[in-house]
Amino acid sequence: MLSVQECKQYLRKGDFTDEQVEQLRDSLYQMADLFIKEYIKTKKAGKSPMNHAGDHLLPSFNQRTGRERL
């Protein structure tokens, strides 16, 4: 785990208190943990949500021009 001082180096701009940096750091670690657990779960299931990332797009949407086909 990064120390508060190491985290402050990454937060170049902003005058954060040590408590704020700790809260940010803890939140980021929690998010990273959730992402990793979800990735492992989908990997074990043999499914990748990224394989179907564009399935929700309208079929009438032209991806080349970014305009809706009429």
PDB file of N, CA and C in Angstrom:
ATOM      1  N   MET A   1       0.851  -1.174   0.000  1.00  0.00           N
ATOM      2  CA  MET A   1       0.000   0.000   0.000  1.00  0.00           C
ATOM      3  C   MET A   1       0.897   1.237   0.000  1.00  0.00           C
ATOM      4  N   LEU A   2       0.503   2.205  -0.820  1.00  0.00           N
ATOM      5  CA  LEU A   2       1.269   3.441  -0.883  1.00  0.00           C
ATOM      6  C   LEU A   2       1.092   4.254   0.402  1.00  0.00           C
ATOM      7  N   SER A   3       2.139   4.915   0.796  1.00  0.00           N
ATOM      8  CA  SER A   3       2.054   5.782   1.965  1.00  0.00           C
ATOM      9  C   SER A   3       1.327   7.066   1.577  1.00  0.00           C
ATOM     10  N   VAL A   4       0.933   7.830   2.556  1.00  0.00           N
ATOM     11  CA  VAL A   4       0.256   9.109   2.311  1.00  0.00           C
ATOM     12  C   VAL A   4       1.173  10.043   1.528  1.00  0.00           C
ATOM     13  N   GLN A   5       2.448  10.053   1.862  1.00  0.00           N
ATOM     14  CA  GLN A   5       3.390  10.930   1.167  1.00  0.00           C
ATOM     15  C   GLN A   5       3.565  10.519  -0.291  1.00  0.00           C
ATOM     16  N   GLU A   6       3.601   9.207  -0.552  1.00  0.00           N
ATOM     17  CA  GLU A   6       3.692   8.740  -1.940  1.00  0.00           C
ATOM     18  C   GLU A   6       2.449   9.123  -2.732  1.00  0.00           C
ATOM     19  N   CYS A   7       1.289   9.004  -2.105  1.00  0.00           N
ATOM     20  CA  CYS A   7       0.043   9.388  -2.772  1.00  0.00           C
ATOM     21  C   CYS A   7       0.030  10.877  -3.085  1.00  0.00           C
ATOM     22  N   LYS A   8       0.528  11.681  -2.177  1.00  0.00           N
ATOM     23  CA  LYS A   8       0.559  13.135  -2.397  1.00  0.00           C
ATOM     24  C   LYS A   8       1.424  13.489  -3.600  1.00  0.00           C
ATOM     25  N   GLN A   9       2.457  12.700  -3.864  1.00  0.00           N
ATOM     26  CA  GLN A   9       3.294  12.950  -5.035  1.00  0.00           C
ATOM     27  C   GLN A   9       2.492  12.758  -6.316  1.00  0.00           C
ATOM     28  N   TYR A  10       1.576  11.790  -6.322  1.00  0.00           N
ATOM     29  CA  TYR A  10       0.745  11.557  -7.501  1.00  0.00           C
ATOM     30  C   TYR A  10      -0.357  12.603  -7.632  1.00  0.00           C
ATOM     31  N   LEU A  11      -0.762  13.167  -6.519  1.00  0.00           N
ATOM     32  CA  LEU A  11      -1.772  14.231  -6.522  1.00  0.00           C
ATOM     33  C   LEU A  11      -1.048  15.572  -6.616  1.00  0.00           C
ATOM     34  N   ARG A  12      -0.511  15.842  -7.753  1.00  0.00           N
ATOM     35  CA  ARG A  12       0.358  17.003  -7.935  1.00  0.00           C
ATOM     36  C   ARG A  12      -0.323  18.318  -7.588  1.00  0.00           C
ATOM     37  N   LYS A  13      -1.543  18.459  -8.061  1.00  0.00           N
ATOM     38  CA  LYS A  13      -2.260  19.706  -7.798  1.00  0.00           C
ATOM     39  C   LYS A  13      -3.276  19.450  -6.714  1.00  0.00           C
ATOM     40  N   GLY A  14      -3.454  20.393  -5.880  1.00  0.00           N
ATOM     41  CA  GLY A  14      -4.433  20.260  -4.812  1.00  0.00           C
ATOM     42  C   GLY A  14      -3.748  20.233  -3.459  1.00  0.00           C
ATOM     43  N   ASP A  15      -4.391  20.859  -2.537  1.00  0.00           N
ATOM     44  CA  ASP A  15      -3.871  20.919  -1.181  1.00  0.00           C
ATOM     45  C   ASP A  15      -4.728  20.005  -0.318  1.00  0.00           C
ATOM     46  N   PHE A  16      -4.400  18.727  -0.333  1.00  0.00           N
ATOM     47  CA  PHE A  16      -5.181  17.738   0.397  1.00  0.00           C
ATOM     48  C   PHE A  16      -4.579  17.490   1.772  1.00  0.00           C
ATOM     49  N   THR A  17      -5.457  17.310   2.740  1.00  0.00           N
ATOM     50  CA  THR A  17      -4.990  16.939   4.072  1.00  0.00           C
ATOM     51  C   THR A  17      -4.631  15.459   4.053  1.00  0.00           C
ATOM     52  N   ASP A  18      -3.916  15.024   5.073  1.00  0.00           N
ATOM     53  CA  ASP A  18      -3.545  13.606   5.158  1.00  0.00           C
ATOM     54  C   ASP A  18      -4.792  12.717   5.220  1.00  0.00           C
ATOM     55  N   GLU A  19      -5.818  13.190   5.926  1.00  0.00           N
ATOM     56  CA  GLU A  19      -7.050  12.411   6.042  1.00  0.00           C
ATOM     57  C   GLU A  19      -7.745  12.276   4.687  1.00  0.00           C
ATOM     58  N   GLN A  20      -7.757  13.351   3.889  1.00  0.00           N
ATOM     59  CA  GLN A  20      -8.364  13.301   2.562  1.00  0.00           C
ATOM     60  C   GLN A  20      -7.589  12.350   1.648  1.00  0.00           C
ATOM     61  N   VAL A  21      -6.278  12.394   1.744  1.00  0.00           N
ATOM     62  CA  VAL A  21      -5.452  11.501   0.926  1.00  0.00           C
ATOM     63  C   VAL A  21      -5.698  10.049   1.324  1.00  0.00           C
ATOM     64  N   GLU A  22      -5.820   9.799   2.603  1.00  0.00           N
ATOM     65  CA  GLU A  22      -6.101   8.439   3.074  1.00  0.00           C
ATOM     66  C   GLU A  22      -7.446   7.951   2.552  1.00  0.00           C
ATOM     67  N   GLN A  23      -8.457   8.832   2.574  1.00  0.00           N
ATOM     68  CA  GLN A  23      -9.777   8.459   2.067  1.00  0.00           C
ATOM     69  C   GLN A  23      -9.723   8.165   0.570  1.00  0.00           C
ATOM     70  N   LEU A  24      -9.034   9.007  -0.183  1.00  0.00           N
ATOM     71  CA  LEU A  24      -8.883   8.781  -1.620  1.00  0.00           C
ATOM     72  C   LEU A  24      -8.160   7.467  -1.893  1.00  0.00           C
ATOM     73  N   ARG A  25      -7.068   7.256  -1.192  1.00  0.00           N
ATOM     74  CA  ARG A  25      -6.279   6.038  -1.371  1.00  0.00           C
ATOM     75  C   ARG A  25      -7.117   4.803  -1.057  1.00  0.00           C
ATOM     76  N   ASP A  26      -7.837   4.832   0.062  1.00  0.00           N
ATOM     77  CA  ASP A  26      -8.651   3.689   0.451  1.00  0.00           C
ATOM     78  C   ASP A  26      -9.761   3.424  -0.565  1.00  0.00           C
ATOM     79  N   SER A  27     -10.371   4.483  -1.072  1.00  0.00           N
ATOM     80  CA  SER A  27     -11.428   4.324  -2.077  1.00  0.00           C
ATOM     81  C   SER A  27     -10.872   3.730  -3.363  1.00  0.00           C
ATOM     82  N   LEU A  28      -9.714   4.190  -3.791  1.00  0.00           N
ATOM     83  CA  LEU A  28      -9.096   3.652  -4.998  1.00  0.00           C
ATOM     84  C   LEU A  28      -8.731   2.179  -4.843  1.00  0.00           C
ATOM     85  N   TYR A  29      -8.230   1.812  -3.671  1.00  0.00           N
ATOM     86  CA  TYR A  29      -7.904   0.402  -3.426  1.00  0.00           C
ATOM     87  C   TYR A  29      -9.163  -0.459  -3.421  1.00  0.00           C
ATOM     88  N   GLN A  30     -10.264   0.071  -2.885  1.00  0.00           N
ATOM     89  CA  GLN A  30     -11.522  -0.676  -2.886  1.00  0.00           C
ATOM     90  C   GLN A  30     -12.033  -0.880  -4.308  1.00  0.00           C
ATOM     91  N   MET A  31     -11.955   0.181  -5.125  1.00  0.00           N
ATOM     92  CA  MET A  31     -12.391   0.064  -6.519  1.00  0.00           C
ATOM     93  C   MET A  31     -11.528  -0.926  -7.276  1.00  0.00           C
ATOM     94  N   ALA A  32     -10.231  -0.850  -7.078  1.00  0.00           N
ATOM     95  CA  ALA A  32      -9.317  -1.778  -7.751  1.00  0.00           C
ATOM     96  C   ALA A  32      -9.629  -3.210  -7.347  1.00  0.00           C
ATOM     97  N   ASP A  33      -9.912  -3.435  -6.084  1.00  0.00           N
ATOM     98  CA  ASP A  33     -10.243  -4.766  -5.595  1.00  0.00           C
ATOM     99  C   ASP A  33     -11.516  -5.286  -6.256  1.00  0.00           C
ATOM    100  N   LEU A  34     -12.530  -4.427  -6.375  1.00  0.00           N
ATOM    101  CA  LEU A  34     -13.776  -4.828  -7.026  1.00  0.00           C
ATOM    102  C   LEU A  34     -13.559  -5.169  -8.494  1.00  0.00           C
ATOM    103  N   PHE A  35     -12.784  -4.334  -9.192  1.00  0.00           N
ATOM    104  CA  PHE A  35     -12.507  -4.588 -10.603  1.00  0.00           C
ATOM    105  C   PHE A  35     -11.774  -5.901 -10.800  1.00  0.00           C
ATOM    106  N   ILE A  36     -10.805  -6.173  -9.953  1.00  0.00           N
ATOM    107  CA  ILE A  36     -10.026  -7.411 -10.074  1.00  0.00           C
ATOM    108  C   ILE A  36     -10.906  -8.620  -9.786  1.00  0.00           C
ATOM    109  N   LYS A  37     -11.724  -8.537  -8.745  1.00  0.00           N
ATOM    110  CA  LYS A  37     -12.615  -9.663  -8.433  1.00  0.00           C
ATOM    111  C   LYS A  37     -13.591  -9.922  -9.573  1.00  0.00           C
ATOM    112  N   GLU A  38     -14.148  -8.865 -10.156  1.00  0.00           N
ATOM    113  CA  GLU A  38     -15.085  -9.023 -11.275  1.00  0.00           C
ATOM    114  C   GLU A  38     -14.374  -9.609 -12.493  1.00  0.00           C
ATOM    115  N   TYR A  39     -13.159  -9.158 -12.752  1.00  0.00           N
ATOM    116  CA  TYR A  39     -12.374  -9.682 -13.873  1.00  0.00           C
ATOM    117  C   TYR A  39     -12.111 -11.173 -13.698  1.00  0.00           C
ATOM    118  N   ILE A  40     -11.722 -11.566 -12.505  1.00  0.00           N
ATOM    119  CA  ILE A  40     -11.444 -12.975 -12.234  1.00  0.00           C
ATOM    120  C   ILE A  40     -12.714 -13.799 -12.376  1.00  0.00           C
ATOM    121  N   LYS A  41     -13.824 -13.261 -11.886  1.00  0.00           N
ATOM    122  CA  LYS A  41     -15.098 -13.977 -11.978  1.00  0.00           C
ATOM    123  C   LYS A  41     -15.506 -14.191 -13.438  1.00  0.00           C
ATOM    124  N   THR A  42     -15.379 -13.162 -14.270  1.00  0.00           N
ATOM    125  CA  THR A  42     -15.757 -13.311 -15.681  1.00  0.00           C
ATOM    126  C   THR A  42     -14.755 -14.184 -16.429  1.00  0.00           C
ATOM    127  N   LYS A  43     -13.495 -14.135 -16.045  1.00  0.00           N
ATOM    128  CA  LYS A  43     -12.481 -14.979 -16.677  1.00  0.00           C
ATOM    129  C   LYS A  43     -12.771 -16.448 -16.403  1.00  0.00           C
ATOM    130  N   LYS A  44     -13.128 -16.766 -15.154  1.00  0.00           N
ATOM    131  CA  LYS A  44     -13.421 -18.149 -14.782  1.00  0.00           C
ATOM    132  C   LYS A  44     -14.676 -18.642 -15.486  1.00  0.00           C
ATOM    133  N   ALA A  45     -15.619 -17.744 -15.728  1.00  0.00           N
ATOM    134  CA  ALA A  45     -16.863 -18.128 -16.399  1.00  0.00           C
ATOM    135  C   ALA A  45     -16.663 -18.261 -17.904  1.00  0.00           C
ATOM    136  N   GLY A  46     -15.514 -17.821 -18.389  1.00  0.00           N
ATOM    137  CA  GLY A  46     -15.239 -17.916 -19.815  1.00  0.00           C
ATOM    138  C   GLY A  46     -15.942 -16.863 -20.634  1.00  0.00           C
ATOM    139  N   LYS A  47     -16.410 -15.826 -19.963  1.00  0.00           N
ATOM    140  CA  LYS A  47     -17.118 -14.753 -20.645  1.00  0.00           C
ATOM    141  C   LYS A  47     -16.353 -13.458 -20.474  1.00  0.00           C
ATOM    142  N   SER A  48     -16.321 -12.685 -21.510  1.00  0.00           N
ATOM    143  CA  SER A  48     -15.699 -11.379 -21.419  1.00  0.00           C
ATOM    144  C   SER A  48     -16.719 -10.334 -21.833  1.00  0.00           C
ATOM    145  N   PRO A  49     -17.086  -9.416 -20.937  1.00  0.00           N
ATOM    146  CA  PRO A  49     -18.068  -8.399 -21.306  1.00  0.00           C
ATOM    147  C   PRO A  49     -17.571  -7.508 -22.439  1.00  0.00           C
ATOM    148  N   MET A  50     -16.276  -7.465 -22.651  1.00  0.00           N
ATOM    149  CA  MET A  50     -15.742  -6.615 -23.712  1.00  0.00           C
ATOM    150  C   MET A  50     -15.984  -7.215 -25.098  1.00  0.00           C
ATOM    151  N   ASN A  51     -16.253  -8.514 -25.162  1.00  0.00           N
ATOM    152  CA  ASN A  51     -16.528  -9.138 -26.452  1.00  0.00           C
ATOM    153  C   ASN A  51     -17.817  -8.625 -27.069  1.00  0.00           C
ATOM    154  N   HIS A  52     -18.702  -8.139 -26.243  1.00  0.00           N
ATOM    155  CA  HIS A  52     -20.004  -7.696 -26.717  1.00  0.00           C
ATOM    156  C   HIS A  52     -20.243  -6.232 -26.384  1.00  0.00           C
ATOM    157  N   ALA A  53     -19.194  -5.456 -26.349  1.00  0.00           N
ATOM    158  CA  ALA A  53     -19.302  -4.061 -25.928  1.00  0.00           C
ATOM    159  C   ALA A  53     -20.182  -3.241 -26.856  1.00  0.00           C
ATOM    160  N   GLY A  54     -20.219  -3.548 -28.148  1.00  0.00           N
ATOM    161  CA  GLY A  54     -20.994  -2.753 -29.086  1.00  0.00           C
ATOM    162  C   GLY A  54     -22.381  -3.295 -29.374  1.00  0.00           C
ATOM    163  N   ASP A  55     -22.780  -4.371 -28.692  1.00  0.00           N
ATOM    164  CA  ASP A  55     -24.073  -4.985 -28.967  1.00  0.00           C
ATOM    165  C   ASP A  55     -25.249  -4.068 -28.656  1.00  0.00           C
ATOM    166  N   HIS A  56     -25.065  -3.116 -27.784  1.00  0.00           N
ATOM    167  CA  HIS A  56     -26.166  -2.253 -27.386  1.00  0.00           C
ATOM    168  C   HIS A  56     -26.396  -1.098 -28.366  1.00  0.00           C
ATOM    169  N   LEU A  57     -25.486  -0.907 -29.320  1.00  0.00           N
ATOM    170  CA  LEU A  57     -25.624   0.195 -30.261  1.00  0.00           C
ATOM    171  C   LEU A  57     -26.801  -0.049 -31.199  1.00  0.00           C
ATOM    172  N   LEU A  58     -27.438   1.031 -31.597  1.00  0.00           N
ATOM    173  CA  LEU A  58     -28.542   0.913 -32.538  1.00  0.00           C
ATOM    174  C   LEU A  58     -28.029   0.371 -33.866  1.00  0.00           C
ATOM    175  N   PRO A  59     -28.759  -0.549 -34.483  1.00  0.00           N
ATOM    176  CA  PRO A  59     -28.302  -1.072 -35.769  1.00  0.00           C
ATOM    177  C   PRO A  59     -28.307   0.000 -36.857  1.00  0.00           C
ATOM    178  N   SER A  60     -29.047   1.078 -36.647  1.00  0.00           N
ATOM    179  CA  SER A  60     -29.107   2.122 -37.654  1.00  0.00           C
ATOM    180  C   SER A  60     -27.996   3.156 -37.480  1.00  0.00           C
ATOM    181  N   PHE A  61     -27.141   2.950 -36.519  1.00  0.00           N
ATOM    182  CA  PHE A  61     -26.077   3.914 -36.240  1.00  0.00           C
ATOM    183  C   PHE A  61     -24.860   3.605 -37.099  1.00  0.00           C
ATOM    184  N   ASN A  62     -24.394   4.583 -37.846  1.00  0.00           N
ATOM    185  CA  ASN A  62     -23.222   4.422 -38.697  1.00  0.00           C
ATOM    186  C   ASN A  62     -21.986   4.738 -37.865  1.00  0.00           C
ATOM    187  N   GLN A  63     -21.192   3.724 -37.532  1.00  0.00           N
ATOM    188  CA  GLN A  63     -20.034   3.925 -36.672  1.00  0.00           C
ATOM    189  C   GLN A  63     -18.927   4.698 -37.368  1.00  0.00           C
ATOM    190  N   ARG A  64     -18.887   4.629 -38.701  1.00  0.00           N
ATOM    191  CA  ARG A  64     -17.831   5.335 -39.441  1.00  0.00           C
ATOM    192  C   ARG A  64     -18.027   6.835 -39.373  1.00  0.00           C
ATOM    193  N   THR A  65     -19.255   7.304 -39.547  1.00  0.00           N
ATOM    194  CA  THR A  65     -19.506   8.744 -39.579  1.00  0.00           C
ATOM    195  C   THR A  65     -20.010   9.274 -38.241  1.00  0.00           C
ATOM    196  N   GLY A  66     -20.494   8.389 -37.380  1.00  0.00           N
ATOM    197  CA  GLY A  66     -21.027   8.830 -36.094  1.00  0.00           C
ATOM    198  C   GLY A  66     -22.428   9.403 -36.214  1.00  0.00           C
ATOM    199  N   ARG A  67     -23.094   9.166 -37.335  1.00  0.00           N
ATOM    200  CA  ARG A  67     -24.446   9.684 -37.550  1.00  0.00           C
ATOM    201  C   ARG A  67     -25.436   8.540 -37.655  1.00  0.00           C
ATOM    202  N   GLU A  68     -26.655   8.861 -37.327  1.00  0.00           N
ATOM    203  CA  GLU A  68     -27.715   7.860 -37.430  1.00  0.00           C
ATOM    204  C   GLU A  68     -28.152   7.735 -38.886  1.00  0.00           C
ATOM    205  N   ARG A  69     -28.270   6.502 -39.348  1.00  0.00           N
ATOM    206  CA  ARG A  69     -28.766   6.265 -40.710  1.00  0.00           C
ATOM    207  C   ARG A  69     -30.272   6.442 -40.725  1.00  0.00           C
ATOM    208  N   LEU A  70     -30.766   7.016 -41.776  1.00  0.00           N
ATOM    209  CA  LEU A  70     -32.214   7.211 -41.889  1.00  0.00           C
ATOM    210  C   LEU A  70     -32.863   6.150 -42.716  1.00  0.00           C
TER     211      LEU A  70
END
